Amino acid sequence: MIANELELQGTQERIAFFHRIVARIRATATTPEEYRSFSNSYLAEIEKMNAEVIEYLKRHPSEIKPAEAA
């Protein structure tokens, strides 16, 4: 779970990094099966991190505990 703006930024950067990895796999995989085999774990992690970002962004800053604020 994302607890503060610094963690939000880090998660967003990681999502972008994984997007680039998947794009490279997509461009270099020789078959659909190979693509799925190499990309599935990255895509699952992207989905998980996106859900965490959405949950964090649903909260107003006043709802974040002071210990969580960056």
Protein backbone atom coordinates (compact mmCIF):
# COMPACT_ATOMS: atom_id res chain seq x y z
CA MET A 1 0.00 0.00 0.00
CA ILE A 2 1.27 3.44 -0.93
CA ALA A 3 1.60 5.61 2.17
CA ASN A 4 2.90 8.95 0.89
CA GLU A 5 3.79 11.07 -2.13
CA LEU A 6 7.33 9.73 -2.30
CA GLU A 7 6.07 6.16 -2.51
CA LEU A 8 3.51 7.27 -5.11
CA GLN A 9 6.27 8.74 -7.26
CA GLY A 10 8.40 5.62 -6.90
CA THR A 11 5.50 3.36 -7.83
CA GLN A 12 4.66 5.47 -10.88
CA GLU A 13 8.29 5.32 -12.01
CA ARG A 14 8.33 1.55 -11.55
CA ILE A 15 5.12 1.23 -13.59
CA ALA A 16 6.68 3.26 -16.40
CA PHE A 17 9.82 1.09 -16.25
CA PHE A 18 7.76 -2.10 -16.49
CA HIS A 19 5.81 -0.62 -19.42
CA ARG A 20 9.10 -0.11 -21.25
CA ILE A 21 10.16 -3.69 -20.51
CA VAL A 22 6.87 -5.06 -21.84
CA ALA A 23 7.15 -2.90 -24.95
CA ARG A 24 10.63 -4.33 -25.61
CA ILE A 25 9.41 -7.87 -25.07
CA ARG A 26 6.50 -7.20 -27.44
CA ALA A 27 8.87 -5.90 -30.10
CA THR A 28 11.33 -8.78 -29.83
CA ALA A 29 9.20 -11.84 -29.08
CA THR A 30 8.98 -14.10 -32.11
CA THR A 31 5.65 -15.74 -31.26
CA PRO A 32 2.53 -14.79 -29.29
CA GLU A 33 3.29 -17.62 -26.87
CA GLU A 34 6.79 -16.32 -26.24
CA TYR A 35 5.42 -12.81 -25.70
CA ARG A 36 2.84 -14.03 -23.19
CA SER A 37 5.38 -16.19 -21.41
CA PHE A 38 7.81 -13.33 -20.88
CA SER A 39 5.33 -10.50 -20.31
CA ASN A 40 2.65 -12.01 -18.07
CA SER A 41 4.46 -11.45 -14.77
CA TYR A 42 5.31 -7.85 -15.68
CA LEU A 43 1.72 -7.16 -16.74
CA ALA A 44 0.38 -8.67 -13.51
CA GLU A 45 2.71 -6.48 -11.48
CA ILE A 46 1.66 -3.39 -13.48
CA GLU A 47 -1.99 -4.18 -12.71
CA LYS A 48 -1.21 -4.58 -9.00
CA MET A 49 0.73 -1.32 -8.83
CA ASN A 50 -1.95 0.55 -10.80
CA ALA A 51 -4.54 -0.61 -8.27
CA GLU A 52 -2.34 0.66 -5.43
CA VAL A 53 -1.96 4.04 -7.14
CA ILE A 54 -5.73 4.33 -7.61
CA GLU A 55 -6.38 3.46 -3.95
CA TYR A 56 -3.88 6.09 -2.81
CA LEU A 57 -5.29 8.75 -5.13
CA LYS A 58 -8.83 8.11 -3.87
CA ARG A 59 -7.76 9.45 -0.48
CA HIS A 60 -7.70 13.18 0.16
CA PRO A 61 -4.41 14.39 1.68
CA SER A 62 -6.24 15.16 4.93
CA GLU A 63 -7.09 11.46 5.24
CA ILE A 64 -3.43 10.46 5.32
CA LYS A 65 -2.01 10.06 8.81
CA PRO A 66 0.86 12.49 9.61
CA ALA A 67 3.27 9.55 9.95
CA GLU A 68 2.38 8.61 6.35
CA ALA A 69 2.94 12.08 4.89
CA ALA A 70 6.26 12.62 3.18
